[in-house]
C-alpha atoms as a PDB file:
ATOM      1  CA  MET A   1      59.029  85.203  52.618  1.00  0.00           C
ATOM      2  CA  SER A   2      61.646  87.422  51.476  1.00  0.00           C
ATOM      3  CA  GLU A   3      65.271  86.438  51.760  1.00  0.00           C
ATOM      4  CA  ILE A   4      66.313  89.397  54.308  1.00  0.00           C
ATOM      5  CA  GLY A   5      65.185  90.897  56.977  1.00  0.00           C
ATOM      6  CA  VAL A   6      65.691  94.544  58.185  1.00  0.00           C
ATOM      7  CA  ILE A   7      64.580  95.085  61.667  1.00  0.00           C
ATOM      8  CA  TYR A   8      65.362  98.202  63.340  1.00  0.00           C
ATOM      9  CA  TRP A   9      64.128 100.504  66.156  1.00  0.00           C
ATOM     10  CA  SER A  10      64.421 104.631  65.648  1.00  0.00           C
ATOM     11  CA  GLY A  11      63.794 107.316  67.786  1.00  0.00           C
ATOM     12  CA  SER A  12      64.415 109.953  66.122  1.00  0.00           C
ATOM     13  CA  GLY A  13      64.450 108.990  62.627  1.00  0.00           C
ATOM     14  CA  ASN A  14      68.030 108.676  62.475  1.00  0.00           C
ATOM     15  CA  THR A  15      68.160 105.101  62.282  1.00  0.00           C
ATOM     16  CA  LYS A  16      64.508 104.703  60.508  1.00  0.00           C
ATOM     17  CA  ALA A  17      66.818 106.391  57.551  1.00  0.00           C
ATOM     18  CA  MET A  18      70.211 104.323  57.796  1.00  0.00           C
ATOM     19  CA  ALA A  19      67.004 101.089  57.578  1.00  0.00           C
ATOM     20  CA  GLU A  20      65.454 102.530  54.445  1.00  0.00           C
ATOM     21  CA  ALA A  21      69.223 103.024  52.650  1.00  0.00           C
ATOM     22  CA  VAL A  22      69.859  99.704  53.593  1.00  0.00           C
ATOM     23  CA  ALA A  23      66.887  97.915  51.953  1.00  0.00           C
ATOM     24  CA  GLU A  24      67.612 100.077  49.079  1.00  0.00           C
ATOM     25  CA  GLY A  25      70.979  98.613  48.817  1.00  0.00           C
ATOM     26  CA  ILE A  26      69.498  94.793  48.949  1.00  0.00           C
ATOM     27  CA  LYS A  27      66.963  95.292  46.567  1.00  0.00           C
ATOM     28  CA  SER A  28      69.571  96.883  44.510  1.00  0.00           C
ATOM     29  CA  ALA A  29      71.741  93.426  44.392  1.00  0.00           C
ATOM     30  CA  GLY A  30      68.583  92.050  43.353  1.00  0.00           C
ATOM     31  CA  ALA A  31      67.598  90.554  46.388  1.00  0.00           C
ATOM     32  CA  GLU A  32      64.381  90.510  48.385  1.00  0.00           C
ATOM     33  CA  THR A  33      63.834  92.088  51.400  1.00  0.00           C
ATOM     34  CA  ASP A  34      61.178  92.880  54.259  1.00  0.00           C
ATOM     35  CA  LEU A  35      61.601  96.270  56.216  1.00  0.00           C
ATOM     36  CA  MET A  36      60.372  96.622  59.364  1.00  0.00           C
ATOM     37  CA  GLU A  37      60.156  98.395  62.711  1.00  0.00           C
ATOM     38  CA  VAL A  38      60.719  96.137  65.756  1.00  0.00           C
ATOM     39  CA  SER A  39      57.504  96.759  67.343  1.00  0.00           C
ATOM     40  CA  ASP A  40      55.908  95.409  63.521  1.00  0.00           C
ATOM     41  CA  ILE A  41      56.922  92.037  63.757  1.00  0.00           C
ATOM     42  CA  SER A  42      57.511  88.999  66.634  1.00  0.00           C
ATOM     43  CA  GLN A  43      60.929  87.835  67.559  1.00  0.00           C
ATOM     44  CA  ASP A  44      59.073  84.012  65.853  1.00  0.00           C
ATOM     45  CA  LYS A  45      58.522  85.411  62.562  1.00  0.00           C
ATOM     46  CA  ALA A  46      62.010  87.416  62.843  1.00  0.00           C
ATOM     47  CA  ALA A  47      64.117  84.291  63.395  1.00  0.00           C
ATOM     48  CA  GLU A  48      62.085  82.679  59.923  1.00  0.00           C
ATOM     49  CA  TYR A  49      64.578  84.495  58.081  1.00  0.00           C
ATOM     50  CA  GLU A  50      67.706  83.300  56.381  1.00  0.00           C
ATOM     51  CA  LYS A  51      69.377  86.497  57.244  1.00  0.00           C
ATOM     52  CA  LEU A  52      68.700  89.250  59.288  1.00  0.00           C
ATOM     53  CA  ALA A  53      69.950  93.229  59.062  1.00  0.00           C
ATOM     54  CA  PHE A  54      69.292  94.803  62.565  1.00  0.00           C
ATOM     55  CA  GLY A  55      68.971  98.774  63.598  1.00  0.00           C
ATOM     56  CA  CYS A  56      69.406 100.262  66.615  1.00  0.00           C
ATOM     57  CA  PRO A  57      70.866 103.764  67.922  1.00  0.00           C
ATOM     58  CA  SER A  58      73.272 103.998  71.016  1.00  0.00           C
ATOM     59  CA  MET A  59      71.051 105.587  73.617  1.00  0.00           C
ATOM     60  CA  GLY A  60      72.254 106.265  77.101  1.00  0.00           C
ATOM     61  CA  SER A  61      75.421 105.182  78.058  1.00  0.00           C
ATOM     62  CA  GLU A  62      76.219 103.085  75.025  1.00  0.00           C
ATOM     63  CA  MET A  63      73.760 100.662  75.044  1.00  0.00           C
ATOM     64  CA  LEU A  64      70.662  99.506  72.899  1.00  0.00           C
ATOM     65  CA  GLU A  65      67.321 100.806  73.307  1.00  0.00           C
ATOM     66  CA  GLU A  66      66.032  99.584  76.697  1.00  0.00           C
ATOM     67  CA  SER A  67      62.092  99.182  76.048  1.00  0.00           C
ATOM     68  CA  GLU A  68      61.254  97.653  73.191  1.00  0.00           C
ATOM     69  CA  PHE A  69      64.386  96.787  71.366  1.00  0.00           C
ATOM     70  CA  GLU A  70      66.698  95.421  73.965  1.00  0.00           C
ATOM     71  CA  PRO A  71      63.859  92.940  75.365  1.00  0.00           C
ATOM     72  CA  PHE A  72      63.146  91.944  70.891  1.00  0.00           C
ATOM     73  CA  PHE A  73      66.881  91.493  70.221  1.00  0.00           C
ATOM     74  CA  GLU A  74      67.360  89.596  73.758  1.00  0.00           C
ATOM     75  CA  ALA A  75      64.082  87.069  72.166  1.00  0.00           C
ATOM     76  CA  VAL A  76      65.726  86.569  68.888  1.00  0.00           C
ATOM     77  CA  GLU A  77      69.136  86.627  69.616  1.00  0.00           C
ATOM     78  CA  GLN A  78      68.745  82.728  71.396  1.00  0.00           C
ATOM     79  CA  LYS A  79      67.688  81.933  67.727  1.00  0.00           C
ATOM     80  CA  LEU A  80      70.350  83.522  65.391  1.00  0.00           C
ATOM     81  CA  SER A  81      73.181  80.260  65.281  1.00  0.00           C
ATOM     82  CA  GLY A  82      73.935  79.842  61.804  1.00  0.00           C
ATOM     83  CA  LYS A  83      72.122  82.486  60.591  1.00  0.00           C
ATOM     84  CA  LYS A  84      73.973  85.552  58.489  1.00  0.00           C
ATOM     85  CA  VAL A  85      73.472  88.713  60.546  1.00  0.00           C
ATOM     86  CA  ALA A  86      74.540  92.238  59.850  1.00  0.00           C
ATOM     87  CA  LEU A  87      74.274  95.576  62.394  1.00  0.00           C
ATOM     88  CA  PHE A  88      74.040  98.940  62.296  1.00  0.00           C
ATOM     89  CA  GLY A  89      73.073 102.183  63.797  1.00  0.00           C
ATOM     90  CA  SER A  90      73.475 106.001  64.435  1.00  0.00           C
ATOM     91  CA  TYR A  91      74.901 107.122  67.601  1.00  0.00           C
ATOM     92  CA  GLY A  92      75.572 110.803  69.033  1.00  0.00           C
ATOM     93  CA  TRP A  93      78.248 110.597  71.882  1.00  0.00           C
ATOM     94  CA  GLY A  94      80.770 107.525  72.736  1.00  0.00           C
ATOM     95  CA  ASP A  95      83.415 105.691  70.694  1.00  0.00           C
ATOM     96  CA  GLY A  96      80.763 103.337  69.188  1.00  0.00           C
ATOM     97  CA  GLU A  97      81.147 100.713  72.539  1.00  0.00           C
ATOM     98  CA  TRP A  98      77.596 100.209  72.073  1.00  0.00           C
ATOM     99  CA  MET A  99      78.213  98.135  68.612  1.00  0.00           C
ATOM    100  CA  ARG A 100      81.203  96.035  69.469  1.00  0.00           C
ATOM    101  CA  ASP A 101      79.421  94.638  73.152  1.00  0.00           C
ATOM    102  CA  TRP A 102      76.166  94.266  70.084  1.00  0.00           C
ATOM    103  CA  GLN A 103      78.687  92.515  67.809  1.00  0.00           C
ATOM    104  CA  ASP A 104      79.887  90.004  70.322  1.00  0.00           C
ATOM    105  CA  ARG A 105      76.737  89.289  71.898  1.00  0.00           C
ATOM    106  CA  VAL A 106      75.384  88.242  68.050  1.00  0.00           C
ATOM    107  CA  GLU A 107      78.574  85.976  67.796  1.00  0.00           C
ATOM    108  CA  SER A 108      78.361  84.226  71.031  1.00  0.00           C
ATOM    109  CA  LYS A 109      75.199  82.938  69.986  1.00  0.00           C
ATOM    110  CA  GLY A 110      76.981  80.995  67.318  1.00  0.00           C
ATOM    111  CA  ALA A 111      75.385  83.775  64.107  1.00  0.00           C
ATOM    112  CA  VAL A 112      77.364  84.663  61.333  1.00  0.00           C
ATOM    113  CA  LEU A 113      78.257  88.588  61.602  1.00  0.00           C
ATOM    114  CA  PHE A 114      78.698  90.250  58.200  1.00  0.00           C
ATOM    115  CA  LYS A 115      81.406  92.446  58.833  1.00  0.00           C
ATOM    116  CA  GLU A 116      81.745  95.188  61.249  1.00  0.00           C
ATOM    117  CA  GLY A 117      78.411  96.909  62.609  1.00  0.00           C
ATOM    118  CA  LEU A 118      77.576 100.357  59.978  1.00  0.00           C
ATOM    119  CA  ILE A 119      77.707 103.391  62.676  1.00  0.00           C
ATOM    120  CA  LEU A 120      76.715 106.861  61.616  1.00  0.00           C
ATOM    121  CA  ASN A 121      76.683 109.830  63.959  1.00  0.00           C
ATOM    122  CA  GLU A 122      73.683 112.064  64.071  1.00  0.00           C
ATOM    123  CA  THR A 123      71.630 112.438  61.012  1.00  0.00           C
ATOM    124  CA  PRO A 124      72.989 110.481  58.023  1.00  0.00           C
ATOM    125  CA  ASP A 125      73.802 112.785  55.152  1.00  0.00           C
ATOM    126  CA  SER A 126      74.070 112.016  51.039  1.00  0.00           C
ATOM    127  CA  ASP A 127      77.743 110.189  51.964  1.00  0.00           C
ATOM    128  CA  GLY A 128      76.255 107.919  55.063  1.00  0.00           C
ATOM    129  CA  LEU A 129      72.752 107.566  53.331  1.00  0.00           C
ATOM    130  CA  GLU A 130      75.022 105.920  50.178  1.00  0.00           C
ATOM    131  CA  GLU A 131      77.249 103.888  52.745  1.00  0.00           C
ATOM    132  CA  CYS A 132      74.388 102.363  53.737  1.00  0.00           C
ATOM    133  CA  LYS A 133      73.045 101.486  50.680  1.00  0.00           C
ATOM    134  CA  GLU A 134      76.380  99.806  50.069  1.00  0.00           C
ATOM    135  CA  PHE A 135      76.445  98.009  53.136  1.00  0.00           C
ATOM    136  CA  GLY A 136      72.484  96.545  51.962  1.00  0.00           C
ATOM    137  CA  LYS A 137      74.016  95.709  48.875  1.00  0.00           C
ATOM    138  CA  SER A 138      76.731  93.729  50.340  1.00  0.00           C
ATOM    139  CA  PHE A 139      74.799  91.586  52.756  1.00  0.00           C
ATOM    140  CA  ALA A 140      72.845  91.087  49.675  1.00  0.00           C
ATOM    141  CA  GLN A 141      75.758  88.919  48.115  1.00  0.00           C
ATOM    142  CA  PHE A 142      77.224  87.698  51.521  1.00  0.00           C
END
């Protein structure tokens, strides 16, 4: 199994673009990675990775996507203790409260949080995608 799992949910494609760039950054650092949509992996399989990068946009009133990502993450967060975890996602409004709440959840489960979560407004531009690549590269070295 690869060293780092990059697992994401994307409705409009913004977080998917971020996930692809994060995975590209991880690979550029010489690490192995698997890039998967949340629907393509079980929480048990996700828990087998040494490191996990999760991507989900802010939805509604600054929360994780409720029908698919939240139930998955709720199950997998119980297995994050001691794991290195990175968070990223896009948003269209608000001030990033969803990311701060998500970071708190991860840390409360005993995971080692990598930096602050990476958030980009709306569709990532070339600078944003470069930021995602650097985020992935740094996470691979974390």
